[in-house]
């Protein structure tokens, strides 16, 4: 079964990445945060505890690819709200 707002969520993520490609980091961040806000908090809390996932985000944050780097940076920033220690 698909999420009732799946199409909206897909568009939000695509637009966030498009914003990063254009250098519009503020709007990209806002869209990513809105996307994450749609998640069940328990999923985010579990993700925050996944050390391998956090490590992969940190690697992506240091990427030469600006889109990957910015999206990883903002994901890490968002996860800090859920107790991720970096």
PDB file of N, CA and C in Angstrom:
ATOM      1  N   UNK A   1       0.840  -1.183   0.000  1.00  0.00           N
ATOM      2  CA  UNK A   1       0.000   0.000   0.000  1.00  0.00           C
ATOM      3  C   UNK A   1       0.884   1.244   0.000  1.00  0.00           C
ATOM      4  N   UNK A   2       0.547   2.185  -0.848  1.00  0.00           N
ATOM      5  CA  UNK A   2       1.343   3.399  -0.940  1.00  0.00           C
ATOM      6  C   UNK A   2       0.817   4.439   0.039  1.00  0.00           C
ATOM      7  N   UNK A   3       1.706   5.340   0.384  1.00  0.00           N
ATOM      8  CA  UNK A   3       1.347   6.440   1.275  1.00  0.00           C
ATOM      9  C   UNK A   3       0.345   7.329   0.547  1.00  0.00           C
ATOM     10  N   UNK A   4      -0.696   7.807   1.235  1.00  0.00           N
ATOM     11  CA  UNK A   4      -1.718   8.622   0.564  1.00  0.00           C
ATOM     12  C   UNK A   4      -1.155   9.888  -0.081  1.00  0.00           C
ATOM     13  N   UNK A   5      -0.061  10.384   0.423  1.00  0.00           N
ATOM     14  CA  UNK A   5       0.530  11.606  -0.131  1.00  0.00           C
ATOM     15  C   UNK A   5       1.825  11.311  -0.880  1.00  0.00           C
ATOM     16  N   UNK A   6       1.969  10.107  -1.394  1.00  0.00           N
ATOM     17  CA  UNK A   6       3.220   9.697  -2.024  1.00  0.00           C
ATOM     18  C   UNK A   6       3.620  10.636  -3.159  1.00  0.00           C
ATOM     19  N   UNK A   7       2.702  10.994  -4.022  1.00  0.00           N
ATOM     20  CA  UNK A   7       3.035  11.859  -5.153  1.00  0.00           C
ATOM     21  C   UNK A   7       3.532  13.220  -4.654  1.00  0.00           C
ATOM     22  N   UNK A   8       2.861  13.775  -3.650  1.00  0.00           N
ATOM     23  CA  UNK A   8       3.288  15.052  -3.080  1.00  0.00           C
ATOM     24  C   UNK A   8       4.707  14.932  -2.518  1.00  0.00           C
ATOM     25  N   UNK A   9       4.977  13.869  -1.788  1.00  0.00           N
ATOM     26  CA  UNK A   9       6.291  13.676  -1.190  1.00  0.00           C
ATOM     27  C   UNK A   9       7.376  13.543  -2.257  1.00  0.00           C
ATOM     28  N   UNK A  10       7.068  12.819  -3.322  1.00  0.00           N
ATOM     29  CA  UNK A  10       8.030  12.672  -4.420  1.00  0.00           C
ATOM     30  C   UNK A  10       8.336  14.024  -5.053  1.00  0.00           C
ATOM     31  N   UNK A  11       7.303  14.826  -5.265  1.00  0.00           N
ATOM     32  CA  UNK A  11       7.494  16.148  -5.867  1.00  0.00           C
ATOM     33  C   UNK A  11       8.300  17.050  -4.934  1.00  0.00           C
ATOM     34  N   UNK A  12       8.039  16.977  -3.634  1.00  0.00           N
ATOM     35  CA  UNK A  12       8.776  17.803  -2.669  1.00  0.00           C
ATOM     36  C   UNK A  12      10.268  17.484  -2.703  1.00  0.00           C
ATOM     37  N   UNK A  13      10.602  16.204  -2.724  1.00  0.00           N
ATOM     38  CA  UNK A  13      12.009  15.815  -2.735  1.00  0.00           C
ATOM     39  C   UNK A  13      12.666  16.223  -4.051  1.00  0.00           C
ATOM     40  N   UNK A  14      11.980  15.985  -5.163  1.00  0.00           N
ATOM     41  CA  UNK A  14      12.536  16.375  -6.462  1.00  0.00           C
ATOM     42  C   UNK A  14      12.778  17.874  -6.510  1.00  0.00           C
ATOM     43  N   UNK A  15      11.828  18.647  -6.042  1.00  0.00           N
ATOM     44  CA  UNK A  15      11.981  20.106  -6.062  1.00  0.00           C
ATOM     45  C   UNK A  15      13.097  20.553  -5.119  1.00  0.00           C
ATOM     46  N   UNK A  16      13.244  19.890  -3.979  1.00  0.00           N
ATOM     47  CA  UNK A  16      14.336  20.229  -3.061  1.00  0.00           C
ATOM     48  C   UNK A  16      15.679  20.036  -3.761  1.00  0.00           C
ATOM     49  N   UNK A  17      15.842  18.903  -4.451  1.00  0.00           N
ATOM     50  CA  UNK A  17      17.093  18.648  -5.154  1.00  0.00           C
ATOM     51  C   UNK A  17      17.282  19.626  -6.315  1.00  0.00           C
ATOM     52  N   UNK A  18      16.204  19.988  -6.993  1.00  0.00           N
ATOM     53  CA  UNK A  18      16.295  20.991  -8.054  1.00  0.00           C
ATOM     54  C   UNK A  18      16.747  22.336  -7.481  1.00  0.00           C
ATOM     55  N   UNK A  19      16.247  22.680  -6.302  1.00  0.00           N
ATOM     56  CA  UNK A  19      16.669  23.917  -5.638  1.00  0.00           C
ATOM     57  C   UNK A  19      18.172  23.890  -5.363  1.00  0.00           C
ATOM     58  N   UNK A  20      18.656  22.763  -4.851  1.00  0.00           N
ATOM     59  CA  UNK A  20      20.093  22.658  -4.571  1.00  0.00           C
ATOM     60  C   UNK A  20      20.905  22.821  -5.853  1.00  0.00           C
ATOM     61  N   UNK A  21      20.410  22.241  -6.958  1.00  0.00           N
ATOM     62  CA  UNK A  21      21.113  22.357  -8.235  1.00  0.00           C
ATOM     63  C   UNK A  21      21.186  23.811  -8.689  1.00  0.00           C
ATOM     64  N   UNK A  22      20.135  24.593  -8.399  1.00  0.00           N
ATOM     65  CA  UNK A  22      20.098  26.012  -8.773  1.00  0.00           C
ATOM     66  C   UNK A  22      20.862  26.890  -7.785  1.00  0.00           C
ATOM     67  N   UNK A  23      21.300  26.306  -6.684  1.00  0.00           N
ATOM     68  CA  UNK A  23      21.989  27.086  -5.658  1.00  0.00           C
ATOM     69  C   UNK A  23      21.041  27.730  -4.667  1.00  0.00           C
ATOM     70  N   UNK A  24      19.775  27.364  -4.719  1.00  0.00           N
ATOM     71  CA  UNK A  24      18.759  27.908  -3.818  1.00  0.00           C
ATOM     72  C   UNK A  24      18.669  27.018  -2.575  1.00  0.00           C
ATOM     73  N   UNK A  25      19.636  27.159  -1.699  1.00  0.00           N
ATOM     74  CA  UNK A  25      19.739  26.283  -0.543  1.00  0.00           C
ATOM     75  C   UNK A  25      18.644  26.524   0.488  1.00  0.00           C
ATOM     76  N   UNK A  26      18.206  27.750   0.620  1.00  0.00           N
ATOM     77  CA  UNK A  26      17.171  28.059   1.607  1.00  0.00           C
ATOM     78  C   UNK A  26      15.857  27.348   1.284  1.00  0.00           C
ATOM     79  N   UNK A  27      15.409  27.445   0.038  1.00  0.00           N
ATOM     80  CA  UNK A  27      14.163  26.775  -0.343  1.00  0.00           C
ATOM     81  C   UNK A  27      14.323  25.259  -0.351  1.00  0.00           C
ATOM     82  N   UNK A  28      15.490  24.778  -0.792  1.00  0.00           N
ATOM     83  CA  UNK A  28      15.743  23.339  -0.769  1.00  0.00           C
ATOM     84  C   UNK A  28      15.674  22.789   0.639  1.00  0.00           C
ATOM     85  N   UNK A  29      16.273  23.506   1.570  1.00  0.00           N
ATOM     86  CA  UNK A  29      16.246  23.090   2.979  1.00  0.00           C
ATOM     87  C   UNK A  29      14.808  23.070   3.497  1.00  0.00           C
ATOM     88  N   UNK A  30      14.054  24.116   3.201  1.00  0.00           N
ATOM     89  CA  UNK A  30      12.662  24.191   3.666  1.00  0.00           C
ATOM     90  C   UNK A  30      11.836  23.033   3.111  1.00  0.00           C
ATOM     91  N   UNK A  31      12.044  22.693   1.853  1.00  0.00           N
ATOM     92  CA  UNK A  31      11.310  21.578   1.262  1.00  0.00           C
ATOM     93  C   UNK A  31      11.709  20.244   1.888  1.00  0.00           C
ATOM     94  N   UNK A  32      13.010  20.046   2.108  1.00  0.00           N
ATOM     95  CA  UNK A  32      13.447  18.806   2.746  1.00  0.00           C
ATOM     96  C   UNK A  32      12.887  18.687   4.158  1.00  0.00           C
ATOM     97  N   UNK A  33      12.912  19.774   4.904  1.00  0.00           N
ATOM     98  CA  UNK A  33      12.384  19.745   6.271  1.00  0.00           C
ATOM     99  C   UNK A  33      10.881  19.457   6.260  1.00  0.00           C
ATOM    100  N   UNK A  34      10.164  20.036   5.309  1.00  0.00           N
ATOM    101  CA  UNK A  34       8.728  19.754   5.193  1.00  0.00           C
ATOM    102  C   UNK A  34       8.499  18.282   4.868  1.00  0.00           C
ATOM    103  N   UNK A  35       9.359  17.735   4.008  1.00  0.00           N
ATOM    104  CA  UNK A  35       9.289  16.317   3.670  1.00  0.00           C
ATOM    105  C   UNK A  35       9.494  15.462   4.920  1.00  0.00           C
ATOM    106  N   UNK A  36      10.538  15.759   5.685  1.00  0.00           N
ATOM    107  CA  UNK A  36      10.818  14.990   6.895  1.00  0.00           C
ATOM    108  C   UNK A  36       9.715  15.135   7.937  1.00  0.00           C
ATOM    109  N   UNK A  37       9.081  16.290   7.969  1.00  0.00           N
ATOM    110  CA  UNK A  37       7.989  16.511   8.924  1.00  0.00           C
ATOM    111  C   UNK A  37       6.809  15.566   8.698  1.00  0.00           C
ATOM    112  N   UNK A  38       6.717  15.006   7.497  1.00  0.00           N
ATOM    113  CA  UNK A  38       5.623  14.085   7.166  1.00  0.00           C
ATOM    114  C   UNK A  38       5.861  12.678   7.721  1.00  0.00           C
ATOM    115  N   UNK A  39       7.102  12.399   8.147  1.00  0.00           N
ATOM    116  CA  UNK A  39       7.438  11.080   8.671  1.00  0.00           C
ATOM    117  C   UNK A  39       6.893  10.879  10.076  1.00  0.00           C
ATOM    118  N   UNK A  40       6.625   9.647  10.390  1.00  0.00           N
ATOM    119  CA  UNK A  40       6.277   9.267  11.754  1.00  0.00           C
ATOM    120  C   UNK A  40       7.518   9.506  12.610  1.00  0.00           C
ATOM    121  N   UNK A  41       7.387  10.205  13.739  1.00  0.00           N
ATOM    122  CA  UNK A  41       8.560  10.507  14.577  1.00  0.00           C
ATOM    123  C   UNK A  41       9.354   9.274  15.006  1.00  0.00           C
ATOM    124  N   UNK A  42       8.690   8.132  15.156  1.00  0.00           N
ATOM    125  CA  UNK A  42       9.423   6.939  15.568  1.00  0.00           C
ATOM    126  C   UNK A  42      10.395   6.479  14.478  1.00  0.00           C
ATOM    127  N   UNK A  43      10.049   6.693  13.223  1.00  0.00           N
ATOM    128  CA  UNK A  43      10.950   6.339  12.125  1.00  0.00           C
ATOM    129  C   UNK A  43      12.200   7.216  12.189  1.00  0.00           C
ATOM    130  N   UNK A  44      12.007   8.505  12.417  1.00  0.00           N
ATOM    131  CA  UNK A  44      13.152   9.403  12.515  1.00  0.00           C
ATOM    132  C   UNK A  44      14.018   9.080  13.725  1.00  0.00           C
ATOM    133  N   UNK A  45      13.398   8.719  14.822  1.00  0.00           N
ATOM    134  CA  UNK A  45      14.157   8.366  16.018  1.00  0.00           C
ATOM    135  C   UNK A  45      14.998   7.118  15.771  1.00  0.00           C
ATOM    136  N   UNK A  46      14.439   6.138  15.080  1.00  0.00           N
ATOM    137  CA  UNK A  46      15.190   4.927  14.762  1.00  0.00           C
ATOM    138  C   UNK A  46      16.321   5.225  13.783  1.00  0.00           C
ATOM    139  N   UNK A  47      16.051   6.066  12.817  1.00  0.00           N
ATOM    140  CA  UNK A  47      17.074   6.442  11.845  1.00  0.00           C
ATOM    141  C   UNK A  47      18.235   7.148  12.546  1.00  0.00           C
ATOM    142  N   UNK A  48      17.903   7.989  13.505  1.00  0.00           N
ATOM    143  CA  UNK A  48      18.926   8.718  14.248  1.00  0.00           C
ATOM    144  C   UNK A  48      19.863   7.772  14.998  1.00  0.00           C
ATOM    145  N   UNK A  49      19.402   6.573  15.312  1.00  0.00           N
ATOM    146  CA  UNK A  49      20.214   5.594  16.043  1.00  0.00           C
ATOM    147  C   UNK A  49      21.054   4.706  15.119  1.00  0.00           C
ATOM    148  N   UNK A  50      20.820   4.793  13.819  1.00  0.00           N
ATOM    149  CA  UNK A  50      21.511   3.939  12.846  1.00  0.00           C
ATOM    150  C   UNK A  50      22.872   4.541  12.497  1.00  0.00           C
ATOM    151  N   UNK A  51      23.905   4.055  13.156  1.00  0.00           N
ATOM    152  CA  UNK A  51      25.260   4.608  12.999  1.00  0.00           C
ATOM    153  C   UNK A  51      25.780   4.486  11.566  1.00  0.00           C
ATOM    154  N   UNK A  52      25.468   3.383  10.896  1.00  0.00           N
ATOM    155  CA  UNK A  52      25.934   3.200   9.518  1.00  0.00           C
ATOM    156  C   UNK A  52      25.293   4.242   8.595  1.00  0.00           C
ATOM    157  N   UNK A  53      24.002   4.478   8.772  1.00  0.00           N
ATOM    158  CA  UNK A  53      23.303   5.478   7.957  1.00  0.00           C
ATOM    159  C   UNK A  53      23.883   6.872   8.205  1.00  0.00           C
ATOM    160  N   UNK A  54      24.127   7.195   9.479  1.00  0.00           N
ATOM    161  CA  UNK A  54      24.692   8.500   9.819  1.00  0.00           C
ATOM    162  C   UNK A  54      26.082   8.647   9.193  1.00  0.00           C
ATOM    163  N   UNK A  55      26.881   7.586   9.256  1.00  0.00           N
ATOM    164  CA  UNK A  55      28.210   7.601   8.647  1.00  0.00           C
ATOM    165  C   UNK A  55      28.113   7.882   7.141  1.00  0.00           C
ATOM    166  N   UNK A  56      27.168   7.234   6.470  1.00  0.00           N
ATOM    167  CA  UNK A  56      26.988   7.450   5.028  1.00  0.00           C
ATOM    168  C   UNK A  56      26.568   8.891   4.734  1.00  0.00           C
ATOM    169  N   UNK A  57      25.735   9.467   5.592  1.00  0.00           N
ATOM    170  CA  UNK A  57      25.349  10.870   5.413  1.00  0.00           C
ATOM    171  C   UNK A  57      26.556  11.794   5.582  1.00  0.00           C
ATOM    172  N   UNK A  58      27.396  11.484   6.558  1.00  0.00           N
ATOM    173  CA  UNK A  58      28.591  12.311   6.778  1.00  0.00           C
ATOM    174  C   UNK A  58      29.520  12.220   5.563  1.00  0.00           C
ATOM    175  N   UNK A  59      29.675  11.026   5.005  1.00  0.00           N
ATOM    176  CA  UNK A  59      30.482  10.877   3.790  1.00  0.00           C
ATOM    177  C   UNK A  59      29.883  11.688   2.650  1.00  0.00           C
ATOM    178  N   UNK A  60      28.562  11.617   2.493  1.00  0.00           N
ATOM    179  CA  UNK A  60      27.892  12.354   1.419  1.00  0.00           C
ATOM    180  C   UNK A  60      28.012  13.863   1.624  1.00  0.00           C
ATOM    181  N   UNK A  61      27.980  14.283   2.884  1.00  0.00           N
ATOM    182  CA  UNK A  61      28.108  15.715   3.196  1.00  0.00           C
ATOM    183  C   UNK A  61      29.445  16.253   2.691  1.00  0.00           C
ATOM    184  N   UNK A  62      30.468  15.419   2.676  1.00  0.00           N
ATOM    185  CA  UNK A  62      31.797  15.830   2.241  1.00  0.00           C
ATOM    186  C   UNK A  62      32.040  15.580   0.753  1.00  0.00           C
ATOM    187  N   UNK A  63      30.981  15.243   0.034  1.00  0.00           N
ATOM    188  CA  UNK A  63      31.069  14.948  -1.391  1.00  0.00           C
ATOM    189  C   UNK A  63      31.377  16.210  -2.200  1.00  0.00           C
ATOM    190  N   UNK A  64      32.004  16.008  -3.351  1.00  0.00           N
ATOM    191  CA  UNK A  64      32.236  17.115  -4.285  1.00  0.00           C
ATOM    192  C   UNK A  64      30.956  17.485  -5.035  1.00  0.00           C
ATOM    193  N   UNK A  65      29.983  16.578  -5.035  1.00  0.00           N
ATOM    194  CA  UNK A  65      28.700  16.839  -5.683  1.00  0.00           C
ATOM    195  C   UNK A  65      27.878  17.736  -4.765  1.00  0.00           C
ATOM    196  N   UNK A  66      27.641  18.977  -5.182  1.00  0.00           N
ATOM    197  CA  UNK A  66      26.979  19.953  -4.318  1.00  0.00           C
ATOM    198  C   UNK A  66      25.569  19.524  -3.909  1.00  0.00           C
ATOM    199  N   UNK A  67      24.833  18.908  -4.810  1.00  0.00           N
ATOM    200  CA  UNK A  67      23.469  18.475  -4.492  1.00  0.00           C
ATOM    201  C   UNK A  67      23.500  17.408  -3.396  1.00  0.00           C
ATOM    202  N   UNK A  68      24.358  16.412  -3.558  1.00  0.00           N
ATOM    203  CA  UNK A  68      24.474  15.366  -2.534  1.00  0.00           C
ATOM    204  C   UNK A  68      24.961  15.945  -1.213  1.00  0.00           C
ATOM    205  N   UNK A  69      25.934  16.831  -1.300  1.00  0.00           N
ATOM    206  CA  UNK A  69      26.506  17.429  -0.100  1.00  0.00           C
ATOM    207  C   UNK A  69      25.465  18.237   0.680  1.00  0.00           C
ATOM    208  N   UNK A  70      24.724  19.073  -0.024  1.00  0.00           N
ATOM    209  CA  UNK A  70      23.728  19.924   0.651  1.00  0.00           C
ATOM    210  C   UNK A  70      22.588  19.090   1.223  1.00  0.00           C
ATOM    211  N   UNK A  71      22.113  18.109   0.476  1.00  0.00           N
ATOM    212  CA  UNK A  71      21.005  17.303   0.983  1.00  0.00           C
ATOM    213  C   UNK A  71      21.445  16.513   2.211  1.00  0.00           C
ATOM    214  N   UNK A  72      22.656  15.961   2.191  1.00  0.00           N
ATOM    215  CA  UNK A  72      23.160  15.219   3.358  1.00  0.00           C
ATOM    216  C   UNK A  72      23.339  16.149   4.558  1.00  0.00           C
ATOM    217  N   UNK A  73      23.871  17.342   4.307  1.00  0.00           N
ATOM    218  CA  UNK A  73      24.058  18.315   5.384  1.00  0.00           C
ATOM    219  C   UNK A  73      22.734  18.640   6.062  1.00  0.00           C
ATOM    220  N   UNK A  74      21.700  18.884   5.276  1.00  0.00           N
ATOM    221  CA  UNK A  74      20.409  19.248   5.849  1.00  0.00           C
ATOM    222  C   UNK A  74      19.718  18.051   6.500  1.00  0.00           C
ATOM    223  N   UNK A  75      19.935  16.848   5.971  1.00  0.00           N
ATOM    224  CA  UNK A  75      19.396  15.658   6.627  1.00  0.00           C
ATOM    225  C   UNK A  75      20.027  15.485   8.003  1.00  0.00           C
ATOM    226  N   UNK A  76      21.342  15.657   8.072  1.00  0.00           N
ATOM    227  CA  UNK A  76      22.034  15.548   9.361  1.00  0.00           C
ATOM    228  C   UNK A  76      21.544  16.618  10.331  1.00  0.00           C
ATOM    229  N   UNK A  77      21.385  17.831   9.818  1.00  0.00           N
ATOM    230  CA  UNK A  77      20.900  18.923  10.657  1.00  0.00           C
ATOM    231  C   UNK A  77      19.513  18.612  11.209  1.00  0.00           C
ATOM    232  N   UNK A  78      18.655  18.084  10.353  1.00  0.00           N
ATOM    233  CA  UNK A  78      17.302  17.734  10.786  1.00  0.00           C
ATOM    234  C   UNK A  78      17.340  16.618  11.835  1.00  0.00           C
ATOM    235  N   UNK A  79      18.194  15.626  11.617  1.00  0.00           N
ATOM    236  CA  UNK A  79      18.270  14.497  12.540  1.00  0.00           C
ATOM    237  C   UNK A  79      18.825  14.898  13.914  1.00  0.00           C
ATOM    238  N   UNK A  80      19.565  15.997  13.976  1.00  0.00           N
ATOM    239  CA  UNK A  80      20.060  16.478  15.276  1.00  0.00           C
ATOM    240  C   UNK A  80      18.909  16.709  16.248  1.00  0.00           C
ATOM    241  N   UNK A  81      17.753  17.066  15.710  1.00  0.00           N
ATOM    242  CA  UNK A  81      16.563  17.262  16.549  1.00  0.00           C
ATOM    243  C   UNK A  81      16.160  15.973  17.266  1.00  0.00           C
ATOM    244  N   UNK A  82      16.591  14.851  16.705  1.00  0.00           N
ATOM    245  CA  UNK A  82      16.210  13.552  17.257  1.00  0.00           C
ATOM    246  C   UNK A  82      17.359  12.898  18.027  1.00  0.00           C
ATOM    247  N   UNK A  83      18.320  13.710  18.433  1.00  0.00           N
ATOM    248  CA  UNK A  83      19.353  13.208  19.328  1.00  0.00           C
ATOM    249  C   UNK A  83      20.591  12.648  18.684  1.00  0.00           C
ATOM    250  N   UNK A  84      20.784  12.878  17.396  1.00  0.00           N
ATOM    251  CA  UNK A  84      21.999  12.402  16.744  1.00  0.00           C
ATOM    252  C   UNK A  84      23.155  13.271  17.215  1.00  0.00           C
ATOM    253  N   UNK A  85      24.190  12.624  17.734  1.00  0.00           N
ATOM    254  CA  UNK A  85      25.384  13.336  18.147  1.00  0.00           C
ATOM    255  C   UNK A  85      26.433  13.199  17.061  1.00  0.00           C
ATOM    256  N   UNK A  86      26.927  14.324  16.581  1.00  0.00           N
ATOM    257  CA  UNK A  86      27.926  14.308  15.520  1.00  0.00           C
ATOM    258  C   UNK A  86      29.264  14.784  16.036  1.00  0.00           C
TER     259      UNK A  86
END
